[in-house]
Amino acid sequence: MTTLPDVVGWLLAIVIGYLVGAINPAAIIARALGVDLQSVGSGNPGATNAARAMGPRWGVLVGALDILKGFVPAVVFGALVGQAAGELAGLAAVLGHITSPFLKGRGGKGVATTLGAILGVQPLLAVPVLIAFGIVVVLTHRVGLGAVAGAVALIVSGIVGWAMGWTDAADLWFAVALGILVLARHQGNIRQAWQGRGT
């Protein structure tokens, strides 16, 4: 039976996770350096476009911070409230990243923050994701397609893990929800790949 403290913990996980995820390092750093991210590359306030606009070192820093945005809320609420709260916090952080109210509803594509959320609650799921991402990026030289492959691998791994009894239903919906979010944010990359274009 779900108790009131559980519900309160879950609500706090969602709210705090979302607000942490909504903080956008790419936009903050770009503004400090006088760079307009919207006028560069994809215009996306994420790690890949930050690297294009400000250089690879800044891109790596942004990527690391985006990972932490998903990792820290997931770990903290997972430890303090329970695994379900950790998964809610991680998922909320990804939602905050892609729909940041501080950027008027804009945001990144959620890849790095998704990785952080996975590492925070189910790190084994990150293995197939990183393998799929790495293989596709090496073969195609397209980060966007690598992200799509990683999202598909996450969904498949979540389903297989649940079917084999390695993970529970909460892990399943967590993996599937995150994978769908990333795929939804990469519709443009999927269309471009289908047309033989894209990055």
N, C-alpha and C. Protein backbone atom coordinates (compact mmCIF):
# COMPACT_ATOMS: atom_id res chain seq x y z
N MET A 1 0.84 -1.20 0.00
CA MET A 1 0.00 0.00 0.00
C MET A 1 0.88 1.25 0.00
N THR A 2 0.52 2.20 -0.85
CA THR A 2 1.28 3.45 -0.93
C THR A 2 0.93 4.35 0.24
N THR A 3 1.92 4.82 0.97
CA THR A 3 1.68 5.69 2.11
C THR A 3 1.83 7.14 1.70
N LEU A 4 1.33 8.04 2.55
CA LEU A 4 1.41 9.47 2.26
C LEU A 4 2.85 9.94 2.10
N PRO A 5 3.79 9.52 2.97
CA PRO A 5 5.18 9.94 2.76
C PRO A 5 5.73 9.50 1.40
N ASP A 6 5.30 8.32 0.91
CA ASP A 6 5.73 7.87 -0.41
C ASP A 6 5.26 8.85 -1.47
N VAL A 7 3.98 9.22 -1.39
CA VAL A 7 3.40 10.13 -2.37
C VAL A 7 4.09 11.48 -2.32
N VAL A 8 4.32 11.98 -1.13
CA VAL A 8 5.02 13.26 -0.98
C VAL A 8 6.42 13.18 -1.57
N GLY A 9 7.10 12.08 -1.29
CA GLY A 9 8.44 11.89 -1.84
C GLY A 9 8.43 11.84 -3.35
N TRP A 10 7.44 11.18 -3.93
CA TRP A 10 7.34 11.10 -5.39
C TRP A 10 7.06 12.48 -5.99
N LEU A 11 6.17 13.23 -5.33
CA LEU A 11 5.87 14.57 -5.83
C LEU A 11 7.10 15.48 -5.77
N LEU A 12 7.82 15.40 -4.66
CA LEU A 12 9.06 16.19 -4.54
C LEU A 12 10.07 15.76 -5.60
N ALA A 13 10.15 14.45 -5.86
CA ALA A 13 11.07 13.94 -6.87
C ALA A 13 10.75 14.54 -8.23
N ILE A 14 9.46 14.59 -8.55
CA ILE A 14 9.04 15.13 -9.85
C ILE A 14 9.35 16.62 -9.95
N VAL A 15 8.96 17.36 -8.92
CA VAL A 15 9.13 18.82 -8.97
C VAL A 15 10.61 19.22 -8.97
N ILE A 16 11.36 18.67 -8.03
CA ILE A 16 12.78 19.02 -7.92
C ILE A 16 13.56 18.50 -9.12
N GLY A 17 13.24 17.27 -9.55
CA GLY A 17 13.90 16.72 -10.73
C GLY A 17 13.67 17.60 -11.95
N TYR A 18 12.43 18.05 -12.11
CA TYR A 18 12.10 18.90 -13.26
C TYR A 18 12.85 20.22 -13.21
N LEU A 19 12.88 20.85 -12.05
CA LEU A 19 13.53 22.15 -11.92
C LEU A 19 15.05 22.04 -12.13
N VAL A 20 15.64 20.98 -11.61
CA VAL A 20 17.08 20.77 -11.83
C VAL A 20 17.35 20.53 -13.31
N GLY A 21 16.52 19.72 -13.94
CA GLY A 21 16.70 19.45 -15.36
C GLY A 21 16.49 20.67 -16.23
N ALA A 22 15.65 21.59 -15.76
CA ALA A 22 15.34 22.78 -16.55
C ALA A 22 16.49 23.78 -16.61
N ILE A 23 17.43 23.67 -15.68
CA ILE A 23 18.61 24.55 -15.72
C ILE A 23 19.47 24.12 -16.90
N ASN A 24 19.74 25.05 -17.80
CA ASN A 24 20.43 24.68 -19.05
C ASN A 24 21.85 25.24 -19.09
N PRO A 25 22.86 24.39 -18.83
CA PRO A 25 24.25 24.86 -18.82
C PRO A 25 24.69 25.45 -20.15
N ALA A 26 24.25 24.86 -21.26
CA ALA A 26 24.65 25.37 -22.59
C ALA A 26 24.22 26.82 -22.76
N ALA A 27 22.97 27.10 -22.41
CA ALA A 27 22.45 28.46 -22.56
C ALA A 27 23.16 29.43 -21.61
N ILE A 28 23.41 28.99 -20.38
CA ILE A 28 24.06 29.85 -19.40
C ILE A 28 25.49 30.20 -19.83
N ILE A 29 26.25 29.17 -20.23
CA ILE A 29 27.64 29.39 -20.65
C ILE A 29 27.70 30.23 -21.92
N ALA A 30 26.83 29.92 -22.88
CA ALA A 30 26.81 30.68 -24.13
C ALA A 30 26.51 32.15 -23.88
N ARG A 31 25.56 32.39 -22.99
CA ARG A 31 25.21 33.78 -22.67
C ARG A 31 26.39 34.49 -22.03
N ALA A 32 27.11 33.80 -21.15
CA ALA A 32 28.28 34.40 -20.49
C ALA A 32 29.39 34.71 -21.48
N LEU A 33 29.50 33.88 -22.53
CA LEU A 33 30.54 34.08 -23.53
C LEU A 33 30.08 34.96 -24.69
N GLY A 34 28.84 35.39 -24.64
CA GLY A 34 28.31 36.24 -25.71
C GLY A 34 28.04 35.49 -27.00
N VAL A 35 27.71 34.20 -26.89
CA VAL A 35 27.44 33.37 -28.06
C VAL A 35 25.94 33.12 -28.18
N ASP A 36 25.42 33.25 -29.39
CA ASP A 36 24.00 32.99 -29.65
C ASP A 36 23.86 31.57 -30.18
N LEU A 37 23.48 30.63 -29.32
CA LEU A 37 23.37 29.23 -29.73
C LEU A 37 22.33 29.02 -30.82
N GLN A 38 21.28 29.82 -30.80
CA GLN A 38 20.21 29.64 -31.78
C GLN A 38 20.66 29.93 -33.20
N SER A 39 21.75 30.67 -33.35
CA SER A 39 22.23 31.02 -34.69
C SER A 39 23.30 30.08 -35.20
N VAL A 40 23.61 29.05 -34.41
CA VAL A 40 24.69 28.12 -34.78
C VAL A 40 24.14 26.71 -34.94
N GLY A 41 24.57 26.01 -35.98
CA GLY A 41 24.20 24.61 -36.18
C GLY A 41 22.72 24.37 -36.11
N SER A 42 22.32 23.46 -35.21
CA SER A 42 20.91 23.11 -35.07
C SER A 42 20.13 24.14 -34.26
N GLY A 43 20.85 25.05 -33.59
CA GLY A 43 20.19 26.03 -32.74
C GLY A 43 19.76 25.45 -31.41
N ASN A 44 20.13 24.21 -31.18
CA ASN A 44 19.70 23.48 -29.99
C ASN A 44 20.60 23.80 -28.79
N PRO A 45 20.03 24.10 -27.63
CA PRO A 45 20.83 24.39 -26.44
C PRO A 45 21.28 23.13 -25.72
N GLY A 46 22.10 22.34 -26.41
CA GLY A 46 22.59 21.10 -25.82
C GLY A 46 24.08 20.95 -26.05
N ALA A 47 24.64 19.83 -25.62
CA ALA A 47 26.09 19.64 -25.64
C ALA A 47 26.67 19.62 -27.06
N THR A 48 25.99 18.95 -27.98
CA THR A 48 26.52 18.84 -29.34
C THR A 48 26.61 20.21 -30.00
N ASN A 49 25.54 20.99 -29.88
CA ASN A 49 25.56 22.31 -30.50
C ASN A 49 26.47 23.27 -29.74
N ALA A 50 26.61 23.07 -28.44
CA ALA A 50 27.54 23.89 -27.66
C ALA A 50 28.96 23.68 -28.14
N ALA A 51 29.29 22.42 -28.49
CA ALA A 51 30.63 22.13 -29.02
C ALA A 51 30.84 22.82 -30.36
N ARG A 52 29.80 22.84 -31.19
CA ARG A 52 29.90 23.53 -32.47
C ARG A 52 30.11 25.02 -32.28
N ALA A 53 29.36 25.59 -31.35
CA ALA A 53 29.35 27.04 -31.19
C ALA A 53 30.53 27.58 -30.39
N MET A 54 30.97 26.79 -29.37
CA MET A 54 31.96 27.32 -28.44
C MET A 54 33.23 26.50 -28.37
N GLY A 55 33.26 25.36 -29.07
CA GLY A 55 34.45 24.52 -29.05
C GLY A 55 34.21 23.25 -28.27
N PRO A 56 35.01 22.21 -28.55
CA PRO A 56 34.80 20.89 -27.93
C PRO A 56 34.92 20.88 -26.41
N ARG A 57 35.81 21.69 -25.85
CA ARG A 57 35.95 21.68 -24.39
C ARG A 57 34.68 22.13 -23.70
N TRP A 58 34.07 23.18 -24.24
CA TRP A 58 32.81 23.65 -23.68
C TRP A 58 31.71 22.61 -23.90
N GLY A 59 31.76 21.94 -25.06
CA GLY A 59 30.78 20.90 -25.33
C GLY A 59 30.88 19.76 -24.33
N VAL A 60 32.09 19.36 -23.99
CA VAL A 60 32.30 18.29 -23.01
C VAL A 60 31.80 18.73 -21.64
N LEU A 61 32.08 19.97 -21.26
CA LEU A 61 31.63 20.49 -19.97
C LEU A 61 30.10 20.49 -19.90
N VAL A 62 29.47 20.98 -20.96
CA VAL A 62 28.01 21.02 -21.00
C VAL A 62 27.45 19.60 -20.92
N GLY A 63 28.05 18.68 -21.66
CA GLY A 63 27.59 17.29 -21.62
C GLY A 63 27.70 16.69 -20.23
N ALA A 64 28.81 16.96 -19.55
CA ALA A 64 29.00 16.44 -18.19
C ALA A 64 27.97 17.02 -17.23
N LEU A 65 27.71 18.31 -17.35
CA LEU A 65 26.71 18.94 -16.48
C LEU A 65 25.31 18.43 -16.78
N ASP A 66 25.02 18.19 -18.05
CA ASP A 66 23.71 17.65 -18.42
C ASP A 66 23.53 16.24 -17.87
N ILE A 67 24.60 15.44 -17.88
CA ILE A 67 24.54 14.10 -17.28
C ILE A 67 24.25 14.21 -15.79
N LEU A 68 24.93 15.13 -15.12
CA LEU A 68 24.74 15.30 -13.68
C LEU A 68 23.30 15.73 -13.36
N LYS A 69 22.68 16.48 -14.25
CA LYS A 69 21.29 16.93 -14.01
C LYS A 69 20.35 15.74 -13.89
N GLY A 70 20.62 14.68 -14.64
CA GLY A 70 19.79 13.49 -14.54
C GLY A 70 20.25 12.57 -13.43
N PHE A 71 21.55 12.51 -13.23
CA PHE A 71 22.14 11.57 -12.27
C PHE A 71 21.85 11.95 -10.83
N VAL A 72 22.10 13.19 -10.47
CA VAL A 72 22.00 13.60 -9.06
C VAL A 72 20.58 13.47 -8.52
N PRO A 73 19.54 14.00 -9.18
CA PRO A 73 18.19 13.81 -8.63
C PRO A 73 17.80 12.34 -8.53
N ALA A 74 18.19 11.54 -9.53
CA ALA A 74 17.85 10.11 -9.51
C ALA A 74 18.50 9.41 -8.33
N VAL A 75 19.77 9.69 -8.10
CA VAL A 75 20.50 9.05 -7.00
C VAL A 75 19.95 9.51 -5.65
N VAL A 76 19.77 10.80 -5.50
CA VAL A 76 19.33 11.35 -4.21
C VAL A 76 17.95 10.81 -3.82
N PHE A 77 16.98 10.91 -4.74
CA PHE A 77 15.64 10.46 -4.39
C PHE A 77 15.55 8.93 -4.34
N GLY A 78 16.39 8.27 -5.13
CA GLY A 78 16.44 6.82 -5.04
C GLY A 78 16.91 6.37 -3.67
N ALA A 79 17.89 7.10 -3.12
CA ALA A 79 18.43 6.75 -1.81
C ALA A 79 17.50 7.16 -0.68
N LEU A 80 16.88 8.33 -0.79
CA LEU A 80 16.08 8.86 0.31
C LEU A 80 14.66 8.33 0.34
N VAL A 81 14.08 8.08 -0.84
CA VAL A 81 12.67 7.69 -0.90
C VAL A 81 12.48 6.27 -1.43
N GLY A 82 13.25 5.90 -2.45
CA GLY A 82 13.09 4.58 -3.04
C GLY A 82 13.34 4.63 -4.54
N GLN A 83 13.49 3.46 -5.13
CA GLN A 83 13.85 3.39 -6.53
C GLN A 83 12.82 4.07 -7.44
N ALA A 84 11.54 3.89 -7.14
CA ALA A 84 10.50 4.50 -7.97
C ALA A 84 10.65 6.02 -7.97
N ALA A 85 10.94 6.60 -6.80
CA ALA A 85 11.14 8.05 -6.71
C ALA A 85 12.37 8.48 -7.50
N GLY A 86 13.42 7.67 -7.44
CA GLY A 86 14.62 7.97 -8.21
C GLY A 86 14.33 7.98 -9.70
N GLU A 87 13.54 7.01 -10.15
CA GLU A 87 13.17 6.96 -11.57
C GLU A 87 12.29 8.13 -11.96
N LEU A 88 11.37 8.50 -11.09
CA LEU A 88 10.53 9.68 -11.36
C LEU A 88 11.37 10.95 -11.44
N ALA A 89 12.34 11.08 -10.54
CA ALA A 89 13.20 12.26 -10.52
C ALA A 89 14.04 12.33 -11.80
N GLY A 90 14.58 11.18 -12.22
CA GLY A 90 15.37 11.15 -13.44
C GLY A 90 14.55 11.47 -14.67
N LEU A 91 13.37 10.90 -14.75
CA LEU A 91 12.49 11.18 -15.88
C LEU A 91 12.06 12.65 -15.90
N ALA A 92 11.75 13.19 -14.72
CA ALA A 92 11.37 14.60 -14.63
C ALA A 92 12.51 15.51 -15.04
N ALA A 93 13.74 15.13 -14.69
CA ALA A 93 14.90 15.94 -15.09
C ALA A 93 15.04 15.99 -16.60
N VAL A 94 14.79 14.87 -17.26
CA VAL A 94 14.84 14.86 -18.73
C VAL A 94 13.74 15.74 -19.31
N LEU A 95 12.55 15.64 -18.75
CA LEU A 95 11.46 16.50 -19.21
C LEU A 95 11.80 17.97 -19.01
N GLY A 96 12.40 18.28 -17.85
CA GLY A 96 12.79 19.66 -17.60
C GLY A 96 13.83 20.14 -18.58
N HIS A 97 14.75 19.25 -18.95
CA HIS A 97 15.79 19.61 -19.90
C HIS A 97 15.22 19.95 -21.27
N ILE A 98 14.24 19.17 -21.72
CA ILE A 98 13.74 19.37 -23.08
C ILE A 98 12.61 20.40 -23.17
N THR A 99 12.03 20.77 -22.02
CA THR A 99 10.94 21.76 -22.03
C THR A 99 11.20 22.85 -21.00
N SER A 100 12.42 23.34 -20.93
CA SER A 100 12.81 24.26 -19.86
C SER A 100 11.96 25.54 -19.84
N PRO A 101 11.29 25.81 -18.72
CA PRO A 101 10.53 27.07 -18.62
C PRO A 101 11.45 28.28 -18.60
N PHE A 102 12.71 28.07 -18.24
CA PHE A 102 13.67 29.18 -18.23
C PHE A 102 14.07 29.58 -19.65
N LEU A 103 13.77 28.69 -20.62
CA LEU A 103 14.05 28.99 -22.03
C LEU A 103 12.75 29.05 -22.83
N LYS A 104 11.67 29.39 -22.12
CA LYS A 104 10.35 29.54 -22.75
C LYS A 104 9.90 28.25 -23.43
N GLY A 105 10.14 27.14 -22.76
CA GLY A 105 9.68 25.86 -23.28
C GLY A 105 10.65 25.16 -24.20
N ARG A 106 11.76 25.81 -24.52
CA ARG A 106 12.76 25.18 -25.37
C ARG A 106 13.73 24.39 -24.49
N GLY A 107 14.57 23.62 -25.14
CA GLY A 107 15.57 22.86 -24.39
C GLY A 107 16.37 21.97 -25.30
N GLY A 108 17.24 21.17 -24.68
CA GLY A 108 18.05 20.24 -25.46
C GLY A 108 17.26 19.01 -25.84
N LYS A 109 17.95 18.03 -26.41
CA LYS A 109 17.28 16.82 -26.88
C LYS A 109 17.26 15.70 -25.84
N GLY A 110 17.90 15.94 -24.71
CA GLY A 110 17.74 15.03 -23.58
C GLY A 110 18.66 13.83 -23.52
N VAL A 111 19.60 13.72 -24.44
CA VAL A 111 20.43 12.51 -24.50
C VAL A 111 21.33 12.38 -23.27
N ALA A 112 22.10 13.41 -22.98
CA ALA A 112 23.03 13.34 -21.85
C ALA A 112 22.28 13.22 -20.52
N THR A 113 21.19 13.95 -20.38
CA THR A 113 20.42 13.89 -19.14
C THR A 113 19.78 12.52 -18.97
N THR A 114 19.34 11.92 -20.07
CA THR A 114 18.81 10.56 -20.03
C THR A 114 19.87 9.59 -19.56
N LEU A 115 21.08 9.73 -20.07
CA LEU A 115 22.18 8.86 -19.64
C LEU A 115 22.42 9.01 -18.14
N GLY A 116 22.40 10.24 -17.65
CA GLY A 116 22.59 10.48 -16.23
C GLY A 116 21.51 9.83 -15.39
N ALA A 117 20.26 9.93 -15.85
CA ALA A 117 19.14 9.33 -15.12
C ALA A 117 19.29 7.82 -15.05
N ILE A 118 19.70 7.21 -16.18
CA ILE A 118 19.90 5.76 -16.21
C ILE A 118 21.02 5.35 -15.25
N LEU A 119 22.12 6.06 -15.32
CA LEU A 119 23.25 5.74 -14.44
C LEU A 119 22.87 5.89 -12.97
N GLY A 120 21.93 6.78 -12.68
CA GLY A 120 21.53 7.02 -11.30
C GLY A 120 20.69 5.92 -10.69
N VAL A 121 19.93 5.18 -11.52
CA VAL A 121 19.03 4.17 -10.94
C VAL A 121 19.22 2.77 -11.50
N GLN A 122 19.58 2.66 -12.78
CA GLN A 122 19.76 1.35 -13.40
C GLN A 122 20.98 1.40 -14.32
N PRO A 123 22.19 1.49 -13.74
CA PRO A 123 23.39 1.68 -14.55
C PRO A 123 23.66 0.59 -15.59
N LEU A 124 23.17 -0.63 -15.34
CA LEU A 124 23.39 -1.70 -16.32
C LEU A 124 22.69 -1.41 -17.64
N LEU A 125 21.59 -0.67 -17.60
CA LEU A 125 20.88 -0.31 -18.82
C LEU A 125 21.71 0.63 -19.70
N ALA A 126 22.68 1.30 -19.08
CA ALA A 126 23.51 2.23 -19.85
C ALA A 126 24.47 1.49 -20.78
N VAL A 127 24.77 0.23 -20.47
CA VAL A 127 25.75 -0.52 -21.27
C VAL A 127 25.28 -0.71 -22.71
N PRO A 128 24.09 -1.29 -22.96
CA PRO A 128 23.65 -1.43 -24.34
C PRO A 128 23.41 -0.09 -25.02
N VAL A 129 22.99 0.89 -24.24
CA VAL A 129 22.76 2.23 -24.81
C VAL A 129 24.07 2.82 -25.35
N LEU A 130 25.12 2.76 -24.55
CA LEU A 130 26.41 3.32 -24.96
C LEU A 130 27.02 2.52 -26.10
N ILE A 131 26.84 1.21 -26.09
CA ILE A 131 27.36 0.39 -27.18
C ILE A 131 26.67 0.74 -28.50
N ALA A 132 25.34 0.81 -28.47
CA ALA A 132 24.59 1.15 -29.68
C ALA A 132 24.95 2.55 -30.17
N PHE A 133 25.02 3.49 -29.23
CA PHE A 133 25.38 4.87 -29.59
C PHE A 133 26.76 4.91 -30.24
N GLY A 134 27.74 4.26 -29.61
CA GLY A 134 29.11 4.29 -30.11
C GLY A 134 29.25 3.67 -31.49
N ILE A 135 28.61 2.51 -31.69
CA ILE A 135 28.71 1.83 -32.98
C ILE A 135 28.14 2.68 -34.10
N VAL A 136 26.96 3.24 -33.87
CA VAL A 136 26.31 4.03 -34.92
C VAL A 136 27.07 5.32 -35.21
N VAL A 137 27.60 5.98 -34.18
CA VAL A 137 28.37 7.20 -34.40
C VAL A 137 29.64 6.89 -35.19
N VAL A 138 30.31 5.79 -34.86
CA VAL A 138 31.52 5.41 -35.59
C VAL A 138 31.20 5.11 -37.05
N LEU A 139 30.11 4.42 -37.29
CA LEU A 139 29.76 4.02 -38.65
C LEU A 139 29.21 5.16 -39.50
N THR A 140 28.46 6.07 -38.86
CA THR A 140 27.78 7.11 -39.63
C THR A 140 28.34 8.51 -39.42
N HIS A 141 29.12 8.69 -38.34
CA HIS A 141 29.63 10.01 -37.95
C HIS A 141 28.49 10.99 -37.67
N ARG A 142 27.36 10.46 -37.21
CA ARG A 142 26.20 11.30 -36.90
C ARG A 142 25.77 11.07 -35.46
N VAL A 143 25.96 12.08 -34.64
CA VAL A 143 25.61 11.96 -33.22
C VAL A 143 24.11 11.76 -33.05
N GLY A 144 23.34 12.45 -33.87
CA GLY A 144 21.88 12.32 -33.78
C GLY A 144 21.41 10.90 -34.02
N LEU A 145 22.00 10.24 -35.01
CA LEU A 145 21.62 8.86 -35.28
C LEU A 145 22.10 7.94 -34.16
N GLY A 146 23.26 8.26 -33.58
CA GLY A 146 23.72 7.50 -32.44
C GLY A 146 22.74 7.59 -31.29
N ALA A 147 22.19 8.78 -31.07
CA ALA A 147 21.20 8.97 -30.01
C ALA A 147 19.95 8.16 -30.28
N VAL A 148 19.52 8.13 -31.53
CA VAL A 148 18.35 7.33 -31.91
C VAL A 148 18.61 5.85 -31.63
N ALA A 149 19.79 5.37 -32.02
CA ALA A 149 20.14 3.96 -31.77
C ALA A 149 20.18 3.67 -30.28
N GLY A 150 20.73 4.59 -29.51
CA GLY A 150 20.78 4.41 -28.06
C GLY A 150 19.40 4.35 -27.44
N ALA A 151 18.49 5.19 -27.94
CA ALA A 151 17.12 5.20 -27.42
C ALA A 151 16.41 3.88 -27.73
N VAL A 152 16.61 3.38 -28.94
CA VAL A 152 16.00 2.09 -29.31
C VAL A 152 16.58 0.98 -28.44
N ALA A 153 17.90 1.02 -28.22
CA ALA A 153 18.54 0.01 -27.38
C ALA A 153 18.01 0.07 -25.95
N LEU A 154 17.73 1.27 -25.47
CA LEU A 154 17.20 1.43 -24.12
C LEU A 154 15.82 0.80 -24.01
N ILE A 155 14.96 1.05 -24.98
CA ILE A 155 13.61 0.48 -24.97
C ILE A 155 13.67 -1.04 -25.03
N VAL A 156 14.47 -1.54 -25.97
CA VAL A 156 14.59 -3.00 -26.12
C VAL A 156 15.16 -3.64 -24.85
N SER A 157 16.18 -3.01 -24.27
CA SER A 157 16.79 -3.54 -23.05
C SER A 157 15.80 -3.54 -21.90
N GLY A 158 14.99 -2.49 -21.81
CA GLY A 158 13.98 -2.43 -20.76
C GLY A 158 12.97 -3.55 -20.89
N ILE A 159 12.53 -3.80 -22.13
CA ILE A 159 11.55 -4.86 -22.38
C ILE A 159 12.16 -6.24 -22.09
N VAL A 160 13.37 -6.47 -22.58
CA VAL A 160 14.03 -7.76 -22.38
C VAL A 160 14.29 -8.00 -20.89
N GLY A 161 14.79 -6.97 -20.20
CA GLY A 161 15.06 -7.11 -18.78
C GLY A 161 13.83 -7.48 -17.99
N TRP A 162 12.70 -6.84 -18.33
CA TRP A 162 11.44 -7.14 -17.63
C TRP A 162 10.95 -8.55 -17.99
N ALA A 163 11.02 -8.90 -19.28
CA ALA A 163 10.55 -10.22 -19.72
C ALA A 163 11.36 -11.35 -19.10
N MET A 164 12.65 -11.11 -18.89
CA MET A 164 13.52 -12.14 -18.32
C MET A 164 13.50 -12.14 -16.79
N GLY A 165 12.81 -11.18 -16.21
CA GLY A 165 12.74 -11.11 -14.76
C GLY A 165 13.92 -10.45 -14.09
N TRP A 166 14.77 -9.79 -14.89
CA TRP A 166 15.94 -9.12 -14.32
C TRP A 166 15.56 -7.78 -13.69
N THR A 167 14.51 -7.15 -14.21
CA THR A 167 14.05 -5.86 -13.70
C THR A 167 12.54 -5.93 -13.48
N ASP A 168 12.00 -4.92 -12.79
CA ASP A 168 10.57 -4.93 -12.52
C ASP A 168 9.82 -4.00 -13.48
N ALA A 169 8.51 -3.89 -13.26
CA ALA A 169 7.66 -3.10 -14.14
C ALA A 169 8.04 -1.62 -14.12
N ALA A 170 8.47 -1.13 -12.95
CA ALA A 170 8.87 0.28 -12.85
C ALA A 170 10.08 0.55 -13.73
N ASP A 171 11.03 -0.37 -13.74
CA ASP A 171 12.20 -0.22 -14.60
C ASP A 171 11.79 -0.23 -16.07
N LEU A 172 10.79 -1.05 -16.39
CA LEU A 172 10.32 -1.14 -17.77
C LEU A 172 9.76 0.18 -18.25
N TRP A 173 8.83 0.75 -17.47
CA TRP A 173 8.23 2.00 -17.94
C TRP A 173 9.25 3.13 -17.93
N PHE A 174 10.18 3.08 -17.00
CA PHE A 174 11.25 4.08 -16.94
C PHE A 174 12.07 4.05 -18.22
N ALA A 175 12.50 2.85 -18.64
CA ALA A 175 13.31 2.72 -19.85
C ALA A 175 12.52 3.11 -21.10
N VAL A 176 11.28 2.64 -21.18
CA VAL A 176 10.46 2.92 -22.36
C VAL A 176 10.13 4.41 -22.46
N ALA A 177 9.77 5.02 -21.33
CA ALA A 177 9.43 6.44 -21.34
C ALA A 177 10.62 7.30 -21.76
N LEU A 178 11.79 7.00 -21.22
CA LEU A 178 12.99 7.76 -21.58
C LEU A 178 13.32 7.57 -23.06
N GLY A 179 13.24 6.32 -23.52
CA GLY A 179 13.54 6.05 -24.92
C GLY A 179 12.61 6.78 -25.86
N ILE A 180 11.31 6.79 -25.54
CA ILE A 180 10.33 7.48 -26.38
C ILE A 180 10.59 8.98 -26.39
N LEU A 181 10.93 9.55 -25.24
CA LEU A 181 11.22 10.98 -25.17
C LEU A 181 12.38 11.35 -26.10
N VAL A 182 13.46 10.56 -26.04
CA VAL A 182 14.63 10.84 -26.88
C VAL A 182 14.27 10.68 -28.36
N LEU A 183 13.53 9.63 -28.70
CA LEU A 183 13.13 9.43 -30.10
C LEU A 183 12.26 10.58 -30.59
N ALA A 184 11.35 11.03 -29.73
CA ALA A 184 10.47 12.14 -30.12
C ALA A 184 11.27 13.41 -30.39
N ARG A 185 12.32 13.63 -29.62
CA ARG A 185 13.16 14.82 -29.80
C ARG A 185 14.09 14.70 -31.00
N HIS A 186 14.22 13.49 -31.55
CA HIS A 186 15.11 13.28 -32.69
C HIS A 186 14.36 12.94 -33.97
N GLN A 187 13.11 13.37 -34.05
CA GLN A 187 12.33 13.11 -35.25
C GLN A 187 13.01 13.70 -36.49
N GLY A 188 13.58 14.89 -36.31
CA GLY A 188 14.25 15.55 -37.43
C GLY A 188 15.44 14.73 -37.92
N ASN A 189 16.21 14.18 -36.99
CA ASN A 189 17.36 13.36 -37.37
C ASN A 189 16.92 12.09 -38.10
N ILE A 190 15.82 11.52 -37.66
CA ILE A 190 15.30 10.31 -38.30
C ILE A 190 14.85 10.63 -39.72
N ARG A 191 14.14 11.74 -39.89
CA ARG A 191 13.69 12.14 -41.24
C ARG A 191 14.88 12.42 -42.15
N GLN A 192 15.88 13.14 -41.62
CA GLN A 192 17.05 13.48 -42.42
C GLN A 192 17.82 12.22 -42.82
N ALA A 193 17.93 11.27 -41.90
CA ALA A 193 18.62 10.02 -42.22
C ALA A 193 17.88 9.27 -43.31
N TRP A 194 16.55 9.27 -43.23
CA TRP A 194 15.72 8.60 -44.23
C TRP A 194 15.92 9.23 -45.60
N GLN A 195 16.17 10.53 -45.60
CA GLN A 195 16.38 11.27 -46.85
C GLN A 195 17.84 11.33 -47.26
N GLY A 196 18.71 10.70 -46.44
CA GLY A 196 20.13 10.67 -46.75
C GLY A 196 20.87 11.92 -46.38
N ARG A 197 20.30 12.69 -45.42
CA ARG A 197 20.95 13.92 -44.96
C ARG A 197 21.12 13.86 -43.47
N GLY A 198 21.58 14.97 -42.87
CA GLY A 198 21.62 15.09 -41.40
C GLY A 198 23.01 14.96 -40.82
N THR A 199 23.07 15.22 -39.49
CA THR A 199 24.33 15.16 -38.76
C THR A 199 24.20 14.28 -37.54
